[in-house]
Amino acid sequence: MEPRLKDSVSPDLMTAIQLLNKVIQAGGADQRVLELVHLRASQINGCSPCVFGGVHSAKKHGETDERLHNVVTWRETPFFTEPERAALALAEAATRIQDGAPGVTDEIWEAAAAHFDEKQLSAIVLHIAMTNLFNRVNHAVRQQAGATW
């Protein structure tokens, strides 16, 4: 499968992405939580470049192979804290909004709100949304794992 875009993205787009990333970082959510939700949303969407990059980035922030290999099965493993589980559930619910899916239920939101303040929740939700955006763009242009624009 060949990528459909070979040129780099516009500087304006990169500026916008950098600004959104600054907003996310300013939200005060733990970086490892952000890495986990990025990886889980990317796994759900089958986005190989985001899974590849997400694993690389998570390792740079101190994540272990054991936990990274088990993000896909986070419910069945003892490796994640309650706040991480709440964030992963939020990531799944916000990502799986296909026909008939309930999306983010009050129960899922309340579980996340029990562990994160509003600023942190805003950052996590924005990070999930940006991940889903990148997942969809990567699918459309057939971006390959390990490649950069």
Protein backbone atom coordinates (compact mmCIF):
# COMPACT_ATOMS: atom_id res chain seq x y z
CA MET A 1 0.00 0.00 0.00
CA GLU A 2 1.48 3.31 -1.09
CA PRO A 3 0.88 6.58 0.78
CA ARG A 4 -1.28 9.01 -1.16
CA LEU A 5 0.48 12.20 -0.03
CA LYS A 6 4.20 12.51 -0.36
CA ASP A 7 4.70 16.22 0.35
CA SER A 8 4.93 17.69 3.82
CA VAL A 9 1.93 19.32 5.46
CA SER A 10 1.48 23.07 5.35
CA PRO A 11 3.20 25.25 7.97
CA ASP A 12 -0.21 26.67 8.95
CA LEU A 13 -1.49 23.20 9.77
CA MET A 14 1.61 22.46 11.83
CA THR A 15 1.13 25.74 13.74
CA ALA A 16 -2.48 24.82 14.51
CA ILE A 17 -1.46 21.37 15.72
CA GLN A 18 1.26 22.83 17.92
CA LEU A 19 -1.26 25.25 19.46
CA LEU A 20 -3.70 22.43 20.20
CA ASN A 21 -0.87 20.42 21.76
CA LYS A 22 0.00 23.39 23.98
CA VAL A 23 -3.62 23.54 25.15
CA ILE A 24 -3.57 19.82 25.90
CA GLN A 25 -0.30 20.09 27.84
CA ALA A 26 -1.59 23.09 29.79
CA GLY A 27 -4.54 20.99 30.95
CA GLY A 28 -2.40 19.25 33.52
CA ALA A 29 -3.34 15.67 32.67
CA ASP A 30 -0.59 13.15 33.32
CA GLN A 31 1.40 12.60 30.10
CA ARG A 32 1.30 8.84 30.55
CA VAL A 33 -2.51 8.96 30.67
CA LEU A 34 -2.52 10.99 27.46
CA GLU A 35 -0.20 8.45 25.85
CA LEU A 36 -2.47 5.57 26.88
CA VAL A 37 -5.66 7.16 25.51
CA HIS A 38 -3.86 8.00 22.26
CA LEU A 39 -2.70 4.43 21.88
CA ARG A 40 -6.11 2.94 22.71
CA ALA A 41 -8.04 5.16 20.28
CA SER A 42 -5.47 4.40 17.58
CA GLN A 43 -5.78 0.67 18.21
CA ILE A 44 -9.57 0.87 17.90
CA ASN A 45 -9.29 2.76 14.63
CA GLY A 46 -6.57 0.47 13.27
CA CYS A 47 -4.21 3.37 12.62
CA SER A 48 -0.78 1.77 12.27
CA PRO A 49 1.25 5.01 12.14
CA CYS A 50 -0.45 6.30 15.30
CA VAL A 51 -0.02 2.99 17.13
CA PHE A 52 3.64 2.91 16.06
CA GLY A 53 4.23 6.53 17.06
CA GLY A 54 2.14 6.17 20.22
CA VAL A 55 4.23 3.27 21.48
CA HIS A 56 7.43 5.17 20.71
CA SER A 57 6.20 8.32 22.47
CA ALA A 58 4.86 6.41 25.47
CA LYS A 59 8.22 4.70 25.95
CA LYS A 60 9.95 8.09 25.87
CA HIS A 61 7.66 9.10 28.75
CA GLY A 62 8.57 6.06 30.83
CA GLU A 63 5.88 3.60 29.83
CA THR A 64 6.76 -0.10 30.10
CA ASP A 65 6.50 -2.78 27.44
CA GLU A 66 4.32 -4.82 29.78
CA ARG A 67 1.69 -2.10 30.00
CA LEU A 68 1.92 -1.10 26.34
CA HIS A 69 1.34 -4.71 25.24
CA ASN A 70 -1.76 -4.82 27.41
CA VAL A 71 -3.49 -1.53 26.54
CA VAL A 72 -5.71 -3.46 24.14
CA THR A 73 -6.79 -5.72 27.05
CA TRP A 74 -6.74 -3.12 29.81
CA ARG A 75 -9.95 -4.43 31.41
CA GLU A 76 -8.50 -7.92 31.91
CA THR A 77 -5.11 -6.95 33.32
CA PRO A 78 -3.90 -5.65 36.69
CA PHE A 79 -1.45 -3.18 35.14
CA PHE A 80 -3.54 0.01 35.13
CA THR A 81 -4.64 2.37 37.89
CA GLU A 82 -8.26 3.39 38.40
CA PRO A 83 -7.66 6.86 36.87
CA GLU A 84 -6.01 5.23 33.85
CA ARG A 85 -8.92 2.80 33.50
CA ALA A 86 -11.38 5.69 33.62
CA ALA A 87 -9.42 7.53 30.92
CA LEU A 88 -9.20 4.41 28.75
CA ALA A 89 -12.96 3.86 29.07
CA LEU A 90 -13.52 7.49 28.08
CA ALA A 91 -11.21 7.09 25.08
CA GLU A 92 -13.06 3.99 23.92
CA ALA A 93 -16.51 5.54 24.34
CA ALA A 94 -15.53 8.78 22.59
CA THR A 95 -13.91 6.85 19.75
CA ARG A 96 -16.63 4.24 19.20
CA ILE A 97 -19.48 6.45 18.06
CA GLN A 98 -20.58 4.32 15.14
CA ASP A 99 -24.21 3.46 14.43
CA GLY A 100 -26.06 2.80 17.65
CA ALA A 101 -23.07 3.02 19.99
CA PRO A 102 -23.96 4.84 23.19
CA GLY A 103 -20.86 7.04 23.13
CA VAL A 104 -19.79 8.62 26.41
CA THR A 105 -22.45 7.64 28.92
CA ASP A 106 -23.03 9.50 32.18
CA GLU A 107 -21.47 6.55 34.01
CA ILE A 108 -18.26 6.74 31.95
CA TRP A 109 -18.08 10.52 32.33
CA GLU A 110 -18.67 10.39 36.09
CA ALA A 111 -15.97 7.73 36.51
CA ALA A 112 -13.48 9.97 34.69
CA ALA A 113 -14.64 13.06 36.58
CA ALA A 114 -13.95 11.23 39.86
CA HIS A 115 -10.25 11.16 38.94
CA PHE A 116 -9.67 14.27 36.84
CA ASP A 117 -10.63 17.90 37.28
CA GLU A 118 -12.39 19.83 34.50
CA LYS A 119 -9.17 21.20 33.04
CA GLN A 120 -7.62 17.73 32.90
CA LEU A 121 -10.81 16.25 31.44
CA SER A 122 -10.84 18.94 28.77
CA ALA A 123 -7.26 18.08 27.87
CA ILE A 124 -8.00 14.34 27.74
CA VAL A 125 -11.11 14.83 25.59
CA LEU A 126 -9.25 17.15 23.21
CA HIS A 127 -6.39 14.64 22.99
CA ILE A 128 -8.83 11.84 22.16
CA ALA A 129 -10.45 14.03 19.49
CA MET A 130 -7.09 14.94 17.96
CA THR A 131 -6.08 11.29 17.94
CA ASN A 132 -9.27 10.38 16.11
CA LEU A 133 -8.62 13.20 13.64
CA PHE A 134 -5.11 11.94 12.90
CA ASN A 135 -6.35 8.34 12.68
CA ARG A 136 -8.86 9.32 10.01
CA VAL A 137 -6.42 11.48 8.05
CA ASN A 138 -3.85 8.68 8.13
CA HIS A 139 -6.43 6.21 6.80
CA ALA A 140 -7.45 8.57 4.01
CA VAL A 141 -3.90 9.23 2.82
CA ARG A 142 -2.61 5.71 3.57
CA GLN A 143 0.13 6.94 5.84
CA GLN A 144 2.50 4.12 6.76
CA ALA A 145 3.78 3.17 10.20
CA GLY A 146 7.23 4.58 10.79
CA ALA A 147 6.87 7.23 8.09
CA THR A 148 6.56 10.95 8.70
CA TRP A 149 5.01 13.70 6.58
